[in-house]
């Protein structure tokens, strides 16, 4: 069988999961340097892939509008038009890293000759596997999602390559971050990203405040807090609990986190997009994990420490909790020690 010349990567969302699929995409590019590689992504997340090397075209699709307004004729016309344009590209191979019915259906609608995805035991929605003509079952056991994605690429004939990810730093973003750091008088600093899409993933702001106080007092290391849209109140709560000078508050667009993290000594946070961006950049990190498994979703291949509290209900992947979110009742001393160890290792 001839090597595929047109390859479609499918991972619509979320930002952290897209970042987890990048090493597999880089492996495909390494193995098929002459192939055309496109990535199908939710329109709202397409900006992230503009910073990724090795992709010929980012193909965005607006599924969010359709979900919010399923009776909107314009949304359906847009979808039909997008699917027609996708099919016209005549892909040889589609790789679905998401495992939803909609992504399996998109793989089928692409018209790709070979459609790879995880078998029904491993996809989030079992019916998704009906749309693959090459379902793949990884070995049983605990495995990082990056490893699973690399195995899916290998099943499609891609020899395993190093999982290095190329994320380009926009010069304008770099200048904006440099100016912001100068304004805040930050030169040697760590970043705390306290937010998270699920409330169950968030460590309490009062504990982040105590951690920032100790880092300043005992490590002489300043702290900057980054927050995303709608998360400013989290910073306010952290600042309100600080006994010393509050940390700087840096509200920057997601892609400006690339130059910001590159200049930070360390990034601390939970299982969320900015944390996984720091991991993809190879930065030293300390992860605070609760409802999600660090073995599956934690740091991969970069200097790291992970702190989690293991209970009988750990790693439930629940977005709400009937037991007061006990898995995130992690002590400040434990996180501070992880920070100190990670800094010592990366001096």
Protein backbone atom coordinates (compact mmCIF):
# COMPACT_ATOMS: atom_id res chain seq x y z
CA UNK A 1 0.00 0.00 0.00
CA UNK A 2 1.38 3.40 -0.94
CA UNK A 3 2.08 5.94 1.77
CA UNK A 4 -0.77 8.41 2.38
CA UNK A 5 -0.18 11.79 0.79
CA UNK A 6 -3.12 13.63 2.38
CA UNK A 7 -3.64 13.18 6.10
CA UNK A 8 -6.36 14.64 8.34
CA UNK A 9 -5.85 14.98 12.09
CA UNK A 10 -9.12 15.30 14.04
CA UNK A 11 -9.13 16.79 17.53
CA UNK A 12 -11.74 19.51 17.91
CA UNK A 13 -11.25 20.43 21.57
CA UNK A 14 -10.30 21.20 24.33
CA UNK A 15 -7.07 23.20 24.46
CA UNK A 16 -5.38 20.74 26.82
CA UNK A 17 -6.46 17.75 24.75
CA UNK A 18 -5.27 19.43 21.55
CA UNK A 19 -1.88 19.95 23.21
CA UNK A 20 -1.85 16.23 24.13
CA UNK A 21 -2.37 15.32 20.46
CA UNK A 22 0.51 17.50 19.22
CA UNK A 23 3.30 14.92 19.79
CA UNK A 24 1.42 12.41 17.62
CA UNK A 25 0.97 15.04 14.92
CA UNK A 26 4.69 15.84 15.09
CA UNK A 27 5.44 12.11 14.79
CA UNK A 28 3.28 11.94 11.65
CA UNK A 29 5.10 14.95 10.19
CA UNK A 30 8.48 13.43 11.03
CA UNK A 31 7.56 10.16 9.33
CA UNK A 32 5.81 11.76 6.34
CA UNK A 33 7.78 14.95 5.56
CA UNK A 34 6.29 15.25 2.05
CA UNK A 35 2.66 14.56 3.02
CA UNK A 36 -0.05 17.19 3.32
CA UNK A 37 -1.21 17.24 6.95
CA UNK A 38 -4.36 19.17 7.88
CA UNK A 39 -5.99 19.49 11.30
CA UNK A 40 -9.75 19.66 11.81
CA UNK A 41 -10.55 21.72 14.92
CA UNK A 42 -13.43 23.58 16.55
CA UNK A 43 -13.43 27.18 15.30
CA UNK A 44 -13.03 28.60 18.81
CA UNK A 45 -9.81 26.60 19.34
CA UNK A 46 -8.19 27.16 15.93
CA UNK A 47 -6.02 30.00 17.25
CA UNK A 48 -3.84 27.54 19.18
CA UNK A 49 -2.86 25.62 16.05
CA UNK A 50 -1.63 28.84 14.42
CA UNK A 51 1.39 28.49 16.74
CA UNK A 52 2.08 24.86 15.78
CA UNK A 53 4.63 23.93 13.15
CA UNK A 54 4.22 21.07 10.70
CA UNK A 55 0.54 21.63 9.83
CA UNK A 56 -0.30 22.56 6.25
CA UNK A 57 -3.83 23.81 6.90
CA UNK A 58 -5.95 24.35 9.99
CA UNK A 59 -9.51 23.44 8.97
CA UNK A 60 -11.97 24.97 11.43
CA UNK A 61 -15.56 23.89 11.89
CA UNK A 62 -18.23 25.64 13.95
CA UNK A 63 -19.93 22.91 15.98
CA UNK A 64 -20.49 25.19 18.98
CA UNK A 65 -23.02 27.42 17.21
CA UNK A 66 -24.89 24.33 16.03
CA UNK A 67 -25.04 22.97 19.60
CA UNK A 68 -26.36 26.25 20.94
CA UNK A 69 -28.83 26.87 18.12
CA UNK A 70 -29.69 23.47 16.57
CA UNK A 71 -32.71 24.90 14.74
CA UNK A 72 -30.70 27.69 13.10
CA UNK A 73 -30.78 27.08 9.29
CA UNK A 74 -27.61 29.15 8.86
CA UNK A 75 -25.68 26.90 11.24
CA UNK A 76 -26.71 23.81 9.26
CA UNK A 77 -25.83 25.47 5.94
CA UNK A 78 -22.40 26.33 7.33
CA UNK A 79 -21.88 22.73 8.47
CA UNK A 80 -22.92 21.25 5.12
CA UNK A 81 -20.61 23.69 3.31
CA UNK A 82 -17.71 22.78 5.63
CA UNK A 83 -18.26 19.06 5.09
CA UNK A 84 -18.36 19.46 1.32
CA UNK A 85 -15.10 21.42 1.38
CA UNK A 86 -13.56 18.78 3.64
CA UNK A 87 -14.55 15.91 1.37
CA UNK A 88 -13.22 17.74 -1.69
CA UNK A 89 -9.70 17.55 -0.23
CA UNK A 90 -9.69 13.76 -0.87
CA UNK A 91 -7.80 12.59 2.19
CA UNK A 92 -6.04 9.23 2.17
CA UNK A 93 -5.93 8.91 5.95
CA UNK A 94 -7.92 10.35 8.88
CA UNK A 95 -6.79 10.02 12.51
CA UNK A 96 -9.48 10.73 15.11
CA UNK A 97 -7.87 11.39 18.50
CA UNK A 98 -11.12 12.48 20.20
CA UNK A 99 -13.40 9.46 20.05
CA UNK A 100 -16.80 11.13 20.00
CA UNK A 101 -19.69 10.27 17.71
CA UNK A 102 -19.35 13.66 16.04
CA UNK A 103 -15.61 13.25 15.42
CA UNK A 104 -16.05 9.70 14.13
CA UNK A 105 -18.78 10.98 11.83
CA UNK A 106 -16.50 13.80 10.64
CA UNK A 107 -13.79 11.23 9.86
CA UNK A 108 -16.32 9.28 7.79
CA UNK A 109 -17.61 12.44 6.09
CA UNK A 110 -14.05 13.39 5.13
CA UNK A 111 -14.09 10.50 2.64
CA UNK A 112 -10.67 9.30 3.82
CA UNK A 113 -9.82 5.80 2.57
CA UNK A 114 -8.38 4.81 5.95
CA UNK A 115 -10.03 6.03 9.14
CA UNK A 116 -8.17 5.28 12.36
CA UNK A 117 -9.55 5.78 15.86
CA UNK A 118 -9.61 3.98 19.17
CA UNK A 119 -11.74 0.87 19.52
CA UNK A 120 -15.10 1.07 21.29
CA UNK A 121 -13.66 0.12 24.71
CA UNK A 122 -11.41 3.20 24.67
CA UNK A 123 -13.51 5.96 23.13
CA UNK A 124 -15.66 8.33 25.18
CA UNK A 125 -18.72 7.48 23.07
CA UNK A 126 -18.71 3.86 21.95
CA UNK A 127 -20.71 4.47 18.78
CA UNK A 128 -17.81 6.58 17.47
CA UNK A 129 -15.91 3.39 16.63
CA UNK A 130 -18.57 2.46 14.05
CA UNK A 131 -17.16 5.14 11.74
CA UNK A 132 -13.58 3.81 11.71
CA UNK A 133 -12.47 1.10 9.31
CA UNK A 134 -9.22 0.73 11.26
CA UNK A 135 -10.14 0.74 14.99
CA UNK A 136 -7.17 0.42 17.34
CA UNK A 137 -7.09 -1.06 20.85
CA UNK A 138 -4.06 0.06 22.91
CA UNK A 139 -2.62 -2.29 25.54
CA UNK A 140 -4.57 -2.44 28.79
CA UNK A 141 -3.25 -0.62 31.84
CA UNK A 142 -2.58 2.91 33.01
CA UNK A 143 -1.13 4.99 30.21
CA UNK A 144 -0.64 8.68 29.51
CA UNK A 145 -2.97 10.05 26.86
CA UNK A 146 0.07 11.25 24.87
CA UNK A 147 1.30 7.64 24.76
CA UNK A 148 -2.12 6.48 23.56
CA UNK A 149 -2.12 9.10 20.81
CA UNK A 150 1.37 8.09 19.71
CA UNK A 151 0.25 4.46 19.59
CA UNK A 152 -2.69 5.37 17.38
CA UNK A 153 -0.31 7.13 15.00
CA UNK A 154 1.94 4.08 15.05
CA UNK A 155 -1.04 1.83 14.22
CA UNK A 156 -1.52 3.99 11.14
CA UNK A 157 2.02 3.18 10.03
CA UNK A 158 3.92 6.06 11.64
CA UNK A 159 7.14 4.99 13.29
CA UNK A 160 7.39 6.37 16.82
CA UNK A 161 9.40 9.58 16.93
CA UNK A 162 10.48 11.86 19.77
CA UNK A 163 7.50 13.66 21.29
CA UNK A 164 9.05 17.13 20.91
CA UNK A 165 6.49 19.79 20.03
CA UNK A 166 7.18 22.92 18.02
CA UNK A 167 5.22 25.89 19.37
CA UNK A 168 6.11 29.16 17.69
CA UNK A 169 6.46 32.36 19.71
CA UNK A 170 4.85 35.30 17.94
CA UNK A 171 7.27 38.29 17.97
CA UNK A 172 4.45 40.72 18.82
CA UNK A 173 3.37 38.52 21.72
CA UNK A 174 6.98 38.32 22.93
CA UNK A 175 7.29 42.11 22.89
CA UNK A 176 3.97 42.53 24.71
CA UNK A 177 5.02 40.08 27.43
CA UNK A 178 8.45 41.68 27.80
CA UNK A 179 6.81 45.09 28.26
CA UNK A 180 4.37 43.66 30.83
CA UNK A 181 7.15 42.01 32.83
CA UNK A 182 9.13 45.24 32.81
CA UNK A 183 6.08 47.17 34.02
CA UNK A 184 5.54 44.67 36.87
CA UNK A 185 9.30 44.58 37.60
CA UNK A 186 9.34 40.80 37.19
CA UNK A 187 12.64 39.21 36.22
CA UNK A 188 12.96 36.03 38.29
CA UNK A 189 9.49 34.70 38.98
CA UNK A 190 7.14 31.71 39.04
CA UNK A 191 3.64 31.54 37.57
CA UNK A 192 0.53 30.24 39.29
CA UNK A 193 -2.43 29.43 37.06
CA UNK A 194 -5.26 28.74 39.52
CA UNK A 195 -8.20 28.34 37.15
CA UNK A 196 -9.74 25.33 35.50
CA UNK A 197 -12.70 24.52 33.31
CA UNK A 198 -14.14 22.22 35.98
CA UNK A 199 -14.61 23.56 39.53
CA UNK A 200 -13.46 20.17 40.84
CA UNK A 201 -9.97 20.71 39.37
CA UNK A 202 -9.32 23.94 41.29
CA UNK A 203 -7.16 24.08 44.40
CA UNK A 204 -8.62 26.57 46.92
CA UNK A 205 -7.50 30.21 46.34
CA UNK A 206 -6.63 30.61 50.04
CA UNK A 207 -4.06 27.83 49.67
CA UNK A 208 -2.57 29.38 46.55
CA UNK A 209 -2.25 32.60 48.58
CA UNK A 210 -0.42 30.77 51.38
CA UNK A 211 1.83 29.11 48.80
CA UNK A 212 2.67 32.44 47.15
CA UNK A 213 3.46 33.95 50.58
CA UNK A 214 5.86 31.11 51.40
CA UNK A 215 7.55 31.24 48.00
CA UNK A 216 8.25 34.92 48.47
CA UNK A 217 9.30 34.64 52.11
CA UNK A 218 11.33 31.39 52.05
CA UNK A 219 12.50 31.15 48.45
CA UNK A 220 12.76 34.87 47.64
CA UNK A 221 10.85 34.12 44.47
CA UNK A 222 8.16 36.45 43.22
CA UNK A 223 4.90 35.00 41.94
CA UNK A 224 2.64 36.08 39.08
CA UNK A 225 -0.92 34.78 38.77
CA UNK A 226 -2.44 34.22 35.34
CA UNK A 227 -6.18 33.97 34.82
CA UNK A 228 -8.36 33.37 31.80
CA UNK A 229 -11.68 34.92 30.77
CA UNK A 230 -14.12 35.05 33.67
CA UNK A 231 -11.49 34.07 36.26
CA UNK A 232 -10.49 37.50 37.65
CA UNK A 233 -12.42 36.79 40.87
CA UNK A 234 -10.07 33.89 41.59
CA UNK A 235 -7.11 36.28 41.58
CA UNK A 236 -9.00 38.71 43.82
CA UNK A 237 -9.59 35.92 46.33
CA UNK A 238 -5.91 34.90 46.25
CA UNK A 239 -4.78 38.50 46.75
CA UNK A 240 -7.25 38.94 49.58
CA UNK A 241 -5.79 35.98 51.48
CA UNK A 242 -2.13 36.99 51.08
CA UNK A 243 -0.42 38.14 54.27
CA UNK A 244 2.42 39.77 52.33
CA UNK A 245 2.45 41.73 49.06
CA UNK A 246 -0.05 40.11 46.66
CA UNK A 247 1.31 38.48 43.52
CA UNK A 248 1.19 40.28 40.20
CA UNK A 249 -1.92 39.62 38.12
CA UNK A 250 -1.15 38.93 34.45
CA UNK A 251 -4.24 38.68 32.26
CA UNK A 252 -2.83 37.80 28.85
CA UNK A 253 -4.26 36.03 25.79
CA UNK A 254 -3.55 32.30 25.68
CA UNK A 255 -0.79 32.50 23.07
CA UNK A 256 1.05 35.13 25.10
CA UNK A 257 1.49 32.44 27.72
CA UNK A 258 4.12 30.93 25.40
CA UNK A 259 6.66 33.75 25.88
CA UNK A 260 5.53 34.26 29.49
CA UNK A 261 6.11 30.63 30.49
CA UNK A 262 9.41 30.60 28.61
CA UNK A 263 10.66 33.33 30.96
CA UNK A 264 9.28 31.81 34.19
CA UNK A 265 11.29 29.61 36.54
CA UNK A 266 8.29 27.39 37.21
CA UNK A 267 4.58 27.01 36.42
CA UNK A 268 2.13 25.75 39.07
CA UNK A 269 -1.46 24.76 38.38
CA UNK A 270 -4.09 22.09 37.95
CA UNK A 271 -5.20 19.97 35.01
CA UNK A 272 -6.09 22.73 32.57
CA UNK A 273 -5.03 24.22 29.23
CA UNK A 274 -2.35 26.67 30.44
CA UNK A 275 -0.72 23.97 32.59
CA UNK A 276 -0.56 21.60 29.61
CA UNK A 277 0.86 24.41 27.48
CA UNK A 278 3.71 24.77 29.98
CA UNK A 279 4.26 21.00 29.79
CA UNK A 280 4.29 21.09 25.97
CA UNK A 281 6.91 23.86 26.12
CA UNK A 282 9.09 21.65 28.32
CA UNK A 283 8.93 24.04 31.28
CA UNK A 284 9.38 22.95 34.92
CA UNK A 285 5.92 22.46 36.43
CA UNK A 286 4.18 21.46 39.63
CA UNK A 287 0.76 19.92 39.02
CA UNK A 288 -2.01 19.79 41.61
CA UNK A 289 -4.35 16.95 40.61
CA UNK A 290 -7.63 15.72 42.05
CA UNK A 291 -10.48 14.31 39.95
CA UNK A 292 -8.23 13.46 37.00
CA UNK A 293 -5.35 11.02 36.93
CA UNK A 294 -1.80 12.42 36.71
CA UNK A 295 -0.74 9.10 35.16
CA UNK A 296 -3.09 9.78 32.26
CA UNK A 297 -3.23 13.59 32.13
CA UNK A 298 -0.20 14.82 34.05
CA UNK A 299 3.17 16.18 32.88
CA UNK A 300 4.95 14.18 30.21
CA UNK A 301 8.67 14.35 29.52
CA UNK A 302 9.46 17.67 31.24
CA UNK A 303 10.85 18.56 34.71
CA UNK A 304 7.86 18.08 36.98
CA UNK A 305 6.38 17.26 40.33
CA UNK A 306 2.77 16.19 40.81
CA UNK A 307 0.83 16.41 44.07
CA UNK A 308 -2.45 14.55 44.51
CA UNK A 309 -4.52 13.03 47.28
CA UNK A 310 -5.49 9.43 46.60
CA UNK A 311 -8.91 8.44 47.93
CA UNK A 312 -11.27 5.55 47.23
CA UNK A 313 -13.04 7.83 44.71
CA UNK A 314 -9.91 9.36 43.16
CA UNK A 315 -9.78 10.03 39.42
CA UNK A 316 -13.54 9.94 38.98
CA UNK A 317 -13.34 12.61 36.25
CA UNK A 318 -16.38 14.25 37.79
CA UNK A 319 -17.22 17.88 37.09
CA UNK A 320 -19.12 18.07 40.36
CA UNK A 321 -18.52 16.28 43.65
CA UNK A 322 -20.92 15.00 46.33
CA UNK A 323 -18.14 14.90 48.99
CA UNK A 324 -16.97 18.54 49.18
CA UNK A 325 -14.22 17.95 46.61
CA UNK A 326 -12.06 16.19 49.19
CA UNK A 327 -9.50 15.09 46.61
CA UNK A 328 -8.35 18.73 46.32
CA UNK A 329 -7.89 19.08 50.09
CA UNK A 330 -4.11 19.03 49.60
CA UNK A 331 -1.89 20.79 52.15
CA UNK A 332 0.19 23.86 51.36
CA UNK A 333 3.27 22.21 52.90
CA UNK A 334 3.09 19.35 50.38
CA UNK A 335 2.80 21.65 47.38
CA UNK A 336 5.54 23.97 48.69
CA UNK A 337 7.89 21.01 49.06
CA UNK A 338 7.16 19.96 45.47
CA UNK A 339 7.93 23.51 44.33
CA UNK A 340 11.20 23.55 46.25
CA UNK A 341 12.30 20.18 44.85
CA UNK A 342 11.42 21.14 41.27
CA UNK A 343 13.37 24.41 41.58
CA UNK A 344 16.37 22.61 43.06
CA UNK A 345 16.42 20.17 40.14
CA UNK A 346 16.29 22.91 37.52
CA UNK A 347 18.84 25.34 38.95
